Amino acid sequence: MKNVNERLNKQIKIALLGAIAVVLMYFDFPIPGFPPFLKIDLSDIPALIGGFILGPVAGVVIELIKNLIYALIKGSGSAMIGELANFSVGAVWVFTSASIYKRGKDRKQTILSLIIGFVVMAVFASLLNYFVLLPMYAKMFKMNFGNVAVFVSTVILPFNLIKGSVVSVATLALYKGILPVIKKESLKENNKKALL
């Protein structure tokens, strides 16, 4: 019975964080100098926090919930390419950061996990755009990105580094408030392991 309650509790937290992430997706904004289809939103924050509290896989599930619900509610203006990009890039970031965070769970480890996570995310996003996403956009929407390697290195990579910085700073700003929750979850997990 205890395991069922713990699972249900975790599922409820994932669903709530997923719902918060969906709402945050509506508050996106462009960055001057970048193409209008590249916008920053803060919807990765709940997934990062969920990954820190509930584990890397939970963070990825929050990313999936966010993108599926957003696409169902708003519809996809990009034949799901944008949602695929958002999920893939967010999932890599959240999984990387949450996996690194598990090793220390303090402020220093949080900062380190966010930095490494968003650098990995930016590199992954660049490769994904170069090999998959930009060719799909070009084919489906007759878009011309010119030299794709130049576009990725001068637009996609800088955009994702800026996005990673903005979301990381916002996540750190919330960190102090969520620290008691994280410590409580860690204590529960440690007590559970001690009983086994």
N, C-alpha and C. Protein backbone atom coordinates (compact mmCIF):
# COMPACT_ATOMS: atom_id res chain seq x y z
N MET A 1 0.82 -1.20 0.00
CA MET A 1 0.00 0.00 0.00
C MET A 1 0.86 1.26 0.00
N LYS A 2 1.97 1.19 0.77
CA LYS A 2 2.85 2.35 0.85
C LYS A 2 3.45 2.68 -0.52
N ASN A 3 3.87 1.64 -1.26
CA ASN A 3 4.44 1.86 -2.59
C ASN A 3 3.42 2.46 -3.55
N VAL A 4 2.16 2.02 -3.43
CA VAL A 4 1.10 2.56 -4.28
C VAL A 4 0.91 4.04 -4.00
N ASN A 5 0.89 4.41 -2.72
CA ASN A 5 0.74 5.82 -2.35
C ASN A 5 1.91 6.66 -2.83
N GLU A 6 3.12 6.12 -2.71
CA GLU A 6 4.31 6.85 -3.17
C GLU A 6 4.27 7.05 -4.68
N ARG A 7 3.87 6.00 -5.40
CA ARG A 7 3.76 6.11 -6.86
C ARG A 7 2.71 7.14 -7.26
N LEU A 8 1.56 7.08 -6.59
CA LEU A 8 0.48 8.02 -6.88
C LEU A 8 0.92 9.45 -6.58
N ASN A 9 1.60 9.63 -5.45
CA ASN A 9 2.12 10.95 -5.07
C ASN A 9 3.07 11.48 -6.14
N LYS A 10 3.94 10.62 -6.62
CA LYS A 10 4.91 11.01 -7.66
C LYS A 10 4.19 11.36 -8.96
N GLN A 11 3.19 10.56 -9.33
CA GLN A 11 2.43 10.82 -10.56
C GLN A 11 1.67 12.14 -10.48
N ILE A 12 1.13 12.44 -9.31
CA ILE A 12 0.41 13.72 -9.13
C ILE A 12 1.38 14.88 -9.28
N LYS A 13 2.57 14.77 -8.68
CA LYS A 13 3.57 15.84 -8.80
C LYS A 13 3.99 16.03 -10.25
N ILE A 14 4.19 14.92 -10.97
CA ILE A 14 4.57 15.01 -12.38
C ILE A 14 3.47 15.71 -13.17
N ALA A 15 2.21 15.32 -12.93
CA ALA A 15 1.09 15.93 -13.64
C ALA A 15 0.98 17.42 -13.35
N LEU A 16 1.13 17.80 -12.07
CA LEU A 16 1.05 19.22 -11.70
C LEU A 16 2.17 20.03 -12.34
N LEU A 17 3.38 19.51 -12.29
CA LEU A 17 4.50 20.22 -12.90
C LEU A 17 4.34 20.29 -14.42
N GLY A 18 3.79 19.23 -15.01
CA GLY A 18 3.50 19.25 -16.45
C GLY A 18 2.49 20.33 -16.79
N ALA A 19 1.44 20.46 -15.97
CA ALA A 19 0.42 21.48 -16.20
C ALA A 19 1.00 22.89 -16.06
N ILE A 20 1.84 23.09 -15.06
CA ILE A 20 2.50 24.40 -14.89
C ILE A 20 3.37 24.71 -16.11
N ALA A 21 4.07 23.70 -16.60
CA ALA A 21 4.94 23.88 -17.77
C ALA A 21 4.12 24.28 -19.00
N VAL A 22 2.94 23.68 -19.17
CA VAL A 22 2.07 24.03 -20.30
C VAL A 22 1.69 25.51 -20.22
N VAL A 23 1.29 25.96 -19.05
CA VAL A 23 0.92 27.37 -18.88
C VAL A 23 2.10 28.27 -19.21
N LEU A 24 3.29 27.91 -18.76
CA LEU A 24 4.48 28.73 -19.01
C LEU A 24 4.84 28.78 -20.49
N MET A 25 4.46 27.77 -21.26
CA MET A 25 4.74 27.78 -22.70
C MET A 25 4.01 28.93 -23.41
N TYR A 26 2.89 29.36 -22.86
CA TYR A 26 2.12 30.44 -23.48
C TYR A 26 2.81 31.80 -23.32
N PHE A 27 3.72 31.90 -22.38
CA PHE A 27 4.41 33.16 -22.13
C PHE A 27 5.80 33.12 -22.76
N ASP A 28 5.83 33.08 -24.07
CA ASP A 28 7.10 33.04 -24.78
C ASP A 28 7.42 34.42 -25.35
N PHE A 29 8.67 34.64 -25.62
CA PHE A 29 9.09 35.94 -26.16
C PHE A 29 10.28 35.74 -27.09
N PRO A 30 10.30 36.53 -28.16
CA PRO A 30 11.44 36.44 -29.09
C PRO A 30 12.64 37.20 -28.55
N ILE A 31 13.79 36.93 -29.12
CA ILE A 31 15.00 37.68 -28.81
C ILE A 31 15.35 38.50 -30.04
N PRO A 32 15.51 39.80 -29.89
CA PRO A 32 15.86 40.63 -31.05
C PRO A 32 17.11 40.09 -31.76
N GLY A 33 17.04 40.07 -33.08
CA GLY A 33 18.17 39.60 -33.87
C GLY A 33 18.08 38.13 -34.25
N PHE A 34 17.11 37.41 -33.69
CA PHE A 34 16.93 35.99 -34.01
C PHE A 34 15.65 35.82 -34.81
N PRO A 35 15.55 34.75 -35.61
CA PRO A 35 14.32 34.51 -36.38
C PRO A 35 13.11 34.41 -35.45
N PRO A 36 11.93 34.85 -35.92
CA PRO A 36 10.74 34.88 -35.07
C PRO A 36 10.26 33.52 -34.57
N PHE A 37 10.66 32.43 -35.24
CA PHE A 37 10.23 31.11 -34.77
C PHE A 37 11.05 30.61 -33.58
N LEU A 38 12.13 31.31 -33.26
CA LEU A 38 12.93 30.96 -32.08
C LEU A 38 12.51 31.87 -30.92
N LYS A 39 11.81 31.29 -29.97
CA LYS A 39 11.32 32.06 -28.83
C LYS A 39 11.72 31.37 -27.53
N ILE A 40 11.91 32.18 -26.52
CA ILE A 40 12.24 31.66 -25.20
C ILE A 40 10.97 31.61 -24.37
N ASP A 41 10.79 30.50 -23.66
CA ASP A 41 9.76 30.42 -22.63
C ASP A 41 10.40 29.76 -21.41
N LEU A 42 9.71 29.82 -20.31
CA LEU A 42 10.28 29.29 -19.07
C LEU A 42 9.72 27.92 -18.70
N SER A 43 9.15 27.24 -19.69
CA SER A 43 8.47 25.97 -19.41
C SER A 43 9.41 24.82 -19.04
N ASP A 44 10.70 24.99 -19.23
CA ASP A 44 11.64 23.95 -18.81
C ASP A 44 11.90 23.98 -17.30
N ILE A 45 11.54 25.09 -16.65
CA ILE A 45 11.78 25.20 -15.21
C ILE A 45 11.05 24.10 -14.43
N PRO A 46 9.73 23.90 -14.63
CA PRO A 46 9.07 22.82 -13.88
C PRO A 46 9.67 21.44 -14.17
N ALA A 47 10.11 21.21 -15.39
CA ALA A 47 10.72 19.92 -15.72
C ALA A 47 12.07 19.77 -15.02
N LEU A 48 12.85 20.84 -14.96
CA LEU A 48 14.13 20.79 -14.24
C LEU A 48 13.90 20.54 -12.75
N ILE A 49 12.96 21.28 -12.17
CA ILE A 49 12.65 21.10 -10.75
C ILE A 49 12.13 19.69 -10.50
N GLY A 50 11.25 19.22 -11.38
CA GLY A 50 10.74 17.86 -11.26
C GLY A 50 11.86 16.84 -11.37
N GLY A 51 12.80 17.08 -12.27
CA GLY A 51 13.95 16.19 -12.40
C GLY A 51 14.81 16.18 -11.15
N PHE A 52 14.98 17.35 -10.54
CA PHE A 52 15.77 17.43 -9.30
C PHE A 52 15.07 16.70 -8.15
N ILE A 53 13.76 16.89 -8.03
CA ILE A 53 13.02 16.32 -6.91
C ILE A 53 12.68 14.85 -7.12
N LEU A 54 12.23 14.52 -8.33
CA LEU A 54 11.66 13.19 -8.59
C LEU A 54 12.55 12.28 -9.43
N GLY A 55 13.63 12.82 -9.96
CA GLY A 55 14.55 12.02 -10.76
C GLY A 55 14.51 12.39 -12.23
N PRO A 56 15.57 12.02 -12.96
CA PRO A 56 15.71 12.40 -14.37
C PRO A 56 14.57 11.93 -15.27
N VAL A 57 14.10 10.71 -15.06
CA VAL A 57 13.02 10.18 -15.92
C VAL A 57 11.74 10.98 -15.71
N ALA A 58 11.45 11.35 -14.47
CA ALA A 58 10.26 12.16 -14.19
C ALA A 58 10.35 13.51 -14.91
N GLY A 59 11.54 14.10 -14.93
CA GLY A 59 11.73 15.37 -15.64
C GLY A 59 11.45 15.23 -17.13
N VAL A 60 11.88 14.12 -17.71
CA VAL A 60 11.63 13.86 -19.14
C VAL A 60 10.13 13.66 -19.38
N VAL A 61 9.46 12.96 -18.47
CA VAL A 61 8.01 12.76 -18.60
C VAL A 61 7.28 14.11 -18.54
N ILE A 62 7.73 15.01 -17.68
CA ILE A 62 7.14 16.35 -17.60
C ILE A 62 7.31 17.07 -18.94
N GLU A 63 8.48 16.95 -19.55
CA GLU A 63 8.70 17.54 -20.88
C GLU A 63 7.73 16.96 -21.91
N LEU A 64 7.52 15.66 -21.85
CA LEU A 64 6.60 15.00 -22.79
C LEU A 64 5.17 15.48 -22.58
N ILE A 65 4.72 15.48 -21.32
CA ILE A 65 3.36 15.95 -21.00
C ILE A 65 3.17 17.38 -21.50
N LYS A 66 4.13 18.23 -21.20
CA LYS A 66 4.06 19.64 -21.60
C LYS A 66 3.83 19.78 -23.10
N ASN A 67 4.62 19.10 -23.89
CA ASN A 67 4.53 19.24 -25.35
C ASN A 67 3.28 18.61 -25.93
N LEU A 68 2.87 17.46 -25.40
CA LEU A 68 1.65 16.82 -25.91
C LEU A 68 0.42 17.66 -25.61
N ILE A 69 0.29 18.12 -24.37
CA ILE A 69 -0.88 18.92 -24.00
C ILE A 69 -0.89 20.24 -24.75
N TYR A 70 0.25 20.88 -24.85
CA TYR A 70 0.34 22.16 -25.58
C TYR A 70 -0.09 21.97 -27.04
N ALA A 71 0.37 20.91 -27.67
CA ALA A 71 0.01 20.65 -29.07
C ALA A 71 -1.48 20.35 -29.21
N LEU A 72 -2.04 19.62 -28.23
CA LEU A 72 -3.47 19.30 -28.27
C LEU A 72 -4.33 20.55 -28.08
N ILE A 73 -3.91 21.44 -27.19
CA ILE A 73 -4.69 22.64 -26.90
C ILE A 73 -4.52 23.69 -28.00
N LYS A 74 -3.30 23.99 -28.33
CA LYS A 74 -3.02 25.08 -29.26
C LYS A 74 -2.94 24.62 -30.71
N GLY A 75 -2.64 23.36 -30.90
CA GLY A 75 -2.40 22.88 -32.25
C GLY A 75 -0.95 23.16 -32.63
N SER A 76 -0.50 22.48 -33.64
CA SER A 76 0.88 22.66 -34.06
C SER A 76 0.94 23.44 -35.35
N GLY A 77 1.63 24.55 -35.32
CA GLY A 77 1.82 25.34 -36.54
C GLY A 77 3.01 24.87 -37.34
N SER A 78 3.66 23.82 -36.87
CA SER A 78 4.89 23.37 -37.52
C SER A 78 4.86 21.88 -37.86
N ALA A 79 3.66 21.32 -38.00
CA ALA A 79 3.51 19.89 -38.27
C ALA A 79 4.24 19.05 -37.22
N MET A 80 4.21 19.50 -35.98
CA MET A 80 4.82 18.85 -34.82
C MET A 80 6.35 18.92 -34.80
N ILE A 81 6.96 19.60 -35.75
CA ILE A 81 8.42 19.72 -35.74
C ILE A 81 8.86 20.55 -34.54
N GLY A 82 8.16 21.65 -34.28
CA GLY A 82 8.50 22.51 -33.15
C GLY A 82 8.36 21.78 -31.82
N GLU A 83 7.30 21.01 -31.69
CA GLU A 83 7.08 20.25 -30.46
C GLU A 83 8.12 19.14 -30.30
N LEU A 84 8.46 18.50 -31.42
CA LEU A 84 9.51 17.48 -31.39
C LEU A 84 10.83 18.10 -30.95
N ALA A 85 11.13 19.27 -31.49
CA ALA A 85 12.37 19.97 -31.12
C ALA A 85 12.35 20.35 -29.64
N ASN A 86 11.22 20.94 -29.19
CA ASN A 86 11.12 21.37 -27.80
C ASN A 86 11.26 20.19 -26.86
N PHE A 87 10.58 19.08 -27.17
CA PHE A 87 10.68 17.91 -26.31
C PHE A 87 12.09 17.32 -26.30
N SER A 88 12.65 17.11 -27.48
CA SER A 88 13.97 16.46 -27.57
C SER A 88 15.04 17.26 -26.86
N VAL A 89 15.07 18.55 -27.14
CA VAL A 89 16.09 19.41 -26.55
C VAL A 89 15.87 19.55 -25.04
N GLY A 90 14.61 19.75 -24.64
CA GLY A 90 14.30 19.86 -23.21
C GLY A 90 14.60 18.58 -22.46
N ALA A 91 14.27 17.44 -23.07
CA ALA A 91 14.50 16.15 -22.42
C ALA A 91 15.99 15.90 -22.19
N VAL A 92 16.81 16.23 -23.17
CA VAL A 92 18.26 16.07 -23.02
C VAL A 92 18.78 16.95 -21.90
N TRP A 93 18.32 18.21 -21.87
CA TRP A 93 18.76 19.14 -20.83
C TRP A 93 18.35 18.66 -19.45
N VAL A 94 17.07 18.33 -19.29
CA VAL A 94 16.54 17.93 -17.99
C VAL A 94 17.20 16.63 -17.52
N PHE A 95 17.31 15.66 -18.40
CA PHE A 95 17.91 14.38 -18.01
C PHE A 95 19.37 14.57 -17.59
N THR A 96 20.11 15.35 -18.36
CA THR A 96 21.52 15.60 -18.03
C THR A 96 21.65 16.32 -16.70
N SER A 97 20.91 17.42 -16.54
CA SER A 97 21.01 18.21 -15.31
C SER A 97 20.58 17.41 -14.09
N ALA A 98 19.45 16.70 -14.20
CA ALA A 98 18.94 15.94 -13.05
C ALA A 98 19.87 14.78 -12.69
N SER A 99 20.49 14.17 -13.69
CA SER A 99 21.43 13.07 -13.43
C SER A 99 22.66 13.57 -12.68
N ILE A 100 23.17 14.72 -13.08
CA ILE A 100 24.33 15.31 -12.40
C ILE A 100 23.94 15.79 -11.01
N TYR A 101 22.76 16.38 -10.90
CA TYR A 101 22.29 16.91 -9.62
C TYR A 101 22.18 15.81 -8.56
N LYS A 102 21.78 14.61 -8.96
CA LYS A 102 21.59 13.50 -8.02
C LYS A 102 22.85 13.20 -7.22
N ARG A 103 24.00 13.59 -7.74
CA ARG A 103 25.27 13.26 -7.08
C ARG A 103 25.57 14.14 -5.87
N GLY A 104 24.89 15.30 -5.73
CA GLY A 104 25.24 16.18 -4.64
C GLY A 104 24.08 16.86 -3.95
N LYS A 105 23.10 17.31 -4.70
CA LYS A 105 21.88 17.93 -4.20
C LYS A 105 22.11 19.14 -3.29
N ASP A 106 23.12 19.94 -3.59
CA ASP A 106 23.29 21.20 -2.88
C ASP A 106 23.35 22.32 -3.93
N ARG A 107 23.51 23.57 -3.46
CA ARG A 107 23.47 24.71 -4.38
C ARG A 107 24.59 24.63 -5.44
N LYS A 108 25.78 24.27 -5.00
CA LYS A 108 26.91 24.17 -5.93
C LYS A 108 26.64 23.12 -7.00
N GLN A 109 26.11 21.97 -6.58
CA GLN A 109 25.79 20.90 -7.52
C GLN A 109 24.66 21.33 -8.46
N THR A 110 23.71 22.12 -7.94
CA THR A 110 22.62 22.61 -8.78
C THR A 110 23.16 23.51 -9.88
N ILE A 111 24.04 24.43 -9.51
CA ILE A 111 24.63 25.34 -10.50
C ILE A 111 25.42 24.54 -11.54
N LEU A 112 26.24 23.62 -11.07
CA LEU A 112 27.04 22.79 -11.97
C LEU A 112 26.14 21.98 -12.91
N SER A 113 25.09 21.38 -12.36
CA SER A 113 24.21 20.54 -13.18
C SER A 113 23.48 21.37 -14.23
N LEU A 114 23.06 22.59 -13.88
CA LEU A 114 22.38 23.45 -14.85
C LEU A 114 23.33 23.89 -15.96
N ILE A 115 24.55 24.26 -15.59
CA ILE A 115 25.52 24.72 -16.60
C ILE A 115 25.87 23.58 -17.56
N ILE A 116 26.26 22.44 -17.00
CA ILE A 116 26.60 21.30 -17.86
C ILE A 116 25.39 20.89 -18.69
N GLY A 117 24.22 20.87 -18.06
CA GLY A 117 23.00 20.49 -18.77
C GLY A 117 22.69 21.39 -19.93
N PHE A 118 22.81 22.72 -19.74
CA PHE A 118 22.45 23.59 -20.86
C PHE A 118 23.53 23.63 -21.93
N VAL A 119 24.76 23.37 -21.59
CA VAL A 119 25.80 23.27 -22.63
C VAL A 119 25.57 22.00 -23.46
N VAL A 120 25.29 20.88 -22.79
CA VAL A 120 24.96 19.64 -23.51
C VAL A 120 23.73 19.85 -24.38
N MET A 121 22.71 20.53 -23.82
CA MET A 121 21.49 20.82 -24.57
C MET A 121 21.78 21.65 -25.81
N ALA A 122 22.61 22.68 -25.68
CA ALA A 122 22.91 23.56 -26.81
C ALA A 122 23.65 22.81 -27.92
N VAL A 123 24.58 21.95 -27.54
CA VAL A 123 25.31 21.16 -28.53
C VAL A 123 24.36 20.16 -29.20
N PHE A 124 23.55 19.48 -28.38
CA PHE A 124 22.58 18.53 -28.93
C PHE A 124 21.60 19.23 -29.87
N ALA A 125 21.10 20.40 -29.46
CA ALA A 125 20.15 21.16 -30.30
C ALA A 125 20.79 21.54 -31.63
N SER A 126 22.06 21.90 -31.59
CA SER A 126 22.77 22.25 -32.83
C SER A 126 22.84 21.06 -33.77
N LEU A 127 23.22 19.90 -33.23
CA LEU A 127 23.31 18.69 -34.06
C LEU A 127 21.94 18.26 -34.57
N LEU A 128 20.93 18.31 -33.70
CA LEU A 128 19.58 17.93 -34.09
C LEU A 128 19.05 18.86 -35.19
N ASN A 129 19.30 20.15 -35.05
CA ASN A 129 18.87 21.10 -36.07
C ASN A 129 19.60 20.86 -37.38
N TYR A 130 20.89 20.63 -37.31
CA TYR A 130 21.69 20.46 -38.52
C TYR A 130 21.27 19.21 -39.30
N PHE A 131 21.12 18.10 -38.59
CA PHE A 131 20.87 16.84 -39.27
C PHE A 131 19.39 16.50 -39.48
N VAL A 132 18.50 17.03 -38.63
CA VAL A 132 17.10 16.61 -38.69
C VAL A 132 16.12 17.76 -38.87
N LEU A 133 16.10 18.69 -37.93
CA LEU A 133 15.02 19.68 -37.88
C LEU A 133 15.04 20.67 -39.03
N LEU A 134 16.18 21.29 -39.30
CA LEU A 134 16.24 22.27 -40.39
C LEU A 134 15.96 21.63 -41.75
N PRO A 135 16.51 20.44 -42.04
CA PRO A 135 16.11 19.79 -43.30
C PRO A 135 14.61 19.51 -43.37
N MET A 136 13.99 19.14 -42.24
CA MET A 136 12.54 18.90 -42.23
C MET A 136 11.78 20.19 -42.50
N TYR A 137 12.16 21.27 -41.81
CA TYR A 137 11.53 22.58 -42.04
C TYR A 137 11.69 23.00 -43.51
N ALA A 138 12.90 22.85 -44.03
CA ALA A 138 13.18 23.27 -45.41
C ALA A 138 12.31 22.49 -46.40
N LYS A 139 12.18 21.20 -46.17
CA LYS A 139 11.40 20.37 -47.08
C LYS A 139 9.90 20.63 -46.96
N MET A 140 9.39 20.68 -45.73
CA MET A 140 7.94 20.80 -45.53
C MET A 140 7.41 22.21 -45.78
N PHE A 141 8.21 23.22 -45.43
CA PHE A 141 7.72 24.59 -45.51
C PHE A 141 8.47 25.43 -46.55
N LYS A 142 9.27 24.76 -47.37
CA LYS A 142 10.03 25.45 -48.43
C LYS A 142 10.82 26.63 -47.86
N MET A 143 11.47 26.40 -46.72
CA MET A 143 12.28 27.45 -46.10
C MET A 143 13.73 27.29 -46.55
N ASN A 144 14.39 28.43 -46.72
CA ASN A 144 15.79 28.41 -47.12
C ASN A 144 16.63 28.99 -45.98
N PHE A 145 17.47 28.17 -45.42
CA PHE A 145 18.32 28.61 -44.32
C PHE A 145 19.73 28.97 -44.80
N GLY A 146 19.94 28.97 -46.10
CA GLY A 146 21.27 29.24 -46.63
C GLY A 146 22.21 28.11 -46.26
N ASN A 147 23.41 28.47 -45.87
CA ASN A 147 24.38 27.49 -45.41
C ASN A 147 23.95 27.01 -44.03
N VAL A 148 23.51 25.76 -43.94
CA VAL A 148 22.94 25.24 -42.69
C VAL A 148 23.97 25.25 -41.56
N ALA A 149 25.21 24.92 -41.85
CA ALA A 149 26.25 24.92 -40.81
C ALA A 149 26.44 26.32 -40.24
N VAL A 150 26.44 27.33 -41.10
CA VAL A 150 26.57 28.72 -40.63
C VAL A 150 25.34 29.12 -39.83
N PHE A 151 24.15 28.74 -40.30
CA PHE A 151 22.91 29.07 -39.58
C PHE A 151 22.91 28.45 -38.19
N VAL A 152 23.33 27.20 -38.10
CA VAL A 152 23.36 26.52 -36.80
C VAL A 152 24.37 27.19 -35.87
N SER A 153 25.56 27.50 -36.38
CA SER A 153 26.60 28.06 -35.51
C SER A 153 26.37 29.53 -35.15
N THR A 154 25.66 30.28 -36.00
CA THR A 154 25.46 31.71 -35.72
C THR A 154 24.07 32.04 -35.19
N VAL A 155 23.13 31.09 -35.30
CA VAL A 155 21.77 31.35 -34.84
C VAL A 155 21.33 30.34 -33.78
N ILE A 156 21.32 29.07 -34.12
CA ILE A 156 20.79 28.03 -33.23
C ILE A 156 21.62 27.90 -31.95
N LEU A 157 22.93 27.76 -32.09
CA LEU A 157 23.78 27.60 -30.90
C LEU A 157 23.72 28.82 -29.99
N PRO A 158 23.90 30.05 -30.49
CA PRO A 158 23.80 31.21 -29.60
C PRO A 158 22.42 31.34 -28.94
N PHE A 159 21.35 31.06 -29.71
CA PHE A 159 20.00 31.13 -29.14
C PHE A 159 19.87 30.18 -27.97
N ASN A 160 20.31 28.94 -28.13
CA ASN A 160 20.16 27.96 -27.06
C ASN A 160 21.06 28.26 -25.86
N LEU A 161 22.20 28.87 -26.09
CA LEU A 161 23.04 29.29 -24.96
C LEU A 161 22.37 30.42 -24.18
N ILE A 162 21.73 31.35 -24.90
CA ILE A 162 20.98 32.42 -24.23
C ILE A 162 19.80 31.84 -23.47
N LYS A 163 19.04 30.97 -24.13
CA LYS A 163 17.88 30.33 -23.49
C LYS A 163 18.32 29.57 -22.25
N GLY A 164 19.40 28.79 -22.37
CA GLY A 164 19.90 28.03 -21.23
C GLY A 164 20.28 28.92 -20.07
N SER A 165 20.90 30.05 -20.37
CA SER A 165 21.29 31.00 -19.32
C SER A 165 20.07 31.58 -18.62
N VAL A 166 19.09 32.03 -19.41
CA VAL A 166 17.88 32.65 -18.85
C VAL A 166 17.12 31.65 -17.97
N VAL A 167 16.90 30.45 -18.48
CA VAL A 167 16.14 29.44 -17.73
C VAL A 167 16.93 28.98 -16.50
N SER A 168 18.23 28.86 -16.61
CA SER A 168 19.05 28.45 -15.47
C SER A 168 19.02 29.49 -14.36
N VAL A 169 19.13 30.76 -14.71
CA VAL A 169 19.08 31.82 -13.70
C VAL A 169 17.71 31.82 -13.02
N ALA A 170 16.64 31.65 -13.81
CA ALA A 170 15.30 31.61 -13.23
C ALA A 170 15.13 30.39 -12.32
N THR A 171 15.68 29.26 -12.73
CA THR A 171 15.59 28.05 -11.90
C THR A 171 16.35 28.24 -10.60
N LEU A 172 17.53 28.84 -10.67
CA LEU A 172 18.30 29.10 -9.45
C LEU A 172 17.58 30.07 -8.52
N ALA A 173 16.87 31.04 -9.11
CA ALA A 173 16.11 31.99 -8.29
C ALA A 173 15.01 31.26 -7.51
N LEU A 174 14.45 30.22 -8.10
CA LEU A 174 13.42 29.43 -7.42
C LEU A 174 14.00 28.36 -6.49
N TYR A 175 15.27 28.08 -6.67
CA TYR A 175 15.92 26.99 -5.94
C TYR A 175 15.77 27.14 -4.43
N LYS A 176 15.98 28.34 -3.93
CA LYS A 176 15.93 28.56 -2.48
C LYS A 176 14.56 28.20 -1.92
N GLY A 177 13.52 28.53 -2.67
CA GLY A 177 12.17 28.23 -2.23
C GLY A 177 11.84 26.75 -2.27
N ILE A 178 12.42 26.03 -3.21
CA ILE A 178 12.10 24.61 -3.34
C ILE A 178 13.08 23.71 -2.58
N LEU A 179 14.13 24.29 -2.04
CA LEU A 179 15.13 23.49 -1.32
C LEU A 179 14.52 22.65 -0.20
N PRO A 180 13.61 23.19 0.63
CA PRO A 180 13.00 22.34 1.67
C PRO A 180 12.28 21.12 1.09
N VAL A 181 11.62 21.29 -0.05
CA VAL A 181 10.93 20.16 -0.69
C VAL A 181 11.94 19.12 -1.15
N ILE A 182 13.02 19.59 -1.75
CA ILE A 182 14.06 18.68 -2.23
C ILE A 182 14.68 17.90 -1.07
N LYS A 183 14.97 18.61 0.02
CA LYS A 183 15.56 17.94 1.19
C LYS A 183 14.59 16.91 1.77
N LYS A 184 13.31 17.26 1.81
CA LYS A 184 12.30 16.34 2.33
C LYS A 184 12.23 15.08 1.46
N GLU A 185 12.23 15.25 0.14
CA GLU A 185 12.18 14.11 -0.77
C GLU A 185 13.45 13.26 -0.63
N SER A 186 14.60 13.91 -0.48
CA SER A 186 15.86 13.17 -0.32
C SER A 186 15.86 12.36 0.98
N LEU A 187 15.34 12.96 2.04
CA LEU A 187 15.26 12.28 3.33
C LEU A 187 14.36 11.05 3.23
N LYS A 188 13.22 11.21 2.56
CA LYS A 188 12.30 10.07 2.36
C LYS A 188 12.99 8.95 1.59
N GLU A 189 13.69 9.33 0.52
CA GLU A 189 14.38 8.35 -0.32
C GLU A 189 15.46 7.62 0.47
N ASN A 190 16.23 8.37 1.27
CA ASN A 190 17.29 7.75 2.07
C ASN A 190 16.72 6.82 3.14
N ASN A 191 15.61 7.24 3.78
CA ASN A 191 14.97 6.40 4.79
C ASN A 191 14.44 5.12 4.17
N LYS A 192 13.87 5.25 2.97
CA LYS A 192 13.33 4.08 2.27
C LYS A 192 14.46 3.09 1.94
N LYS A 193 15.60 3.62 1.47
CA LYS A 193 16.74 2.75 1.14
C LYS A 193 17.29 2.08 2.40
N ALA A 194 17.28 2.82 3.53
CA ALA A 194 17.81 2.26 4.78
C ALA A 194 16.95 1.10 5.27
N LEU A 195 15.65 1.15 4.98
CA LEU A 195 14.75 0.09 5.41
C LEU A 195 14.88 -1.17 4.56
N LEU A 196 15.40 -1.03 3.34
CA LEU A 196 15.51 -2.19 2.44
C LEU A 196 16.68 -3.07 2.78
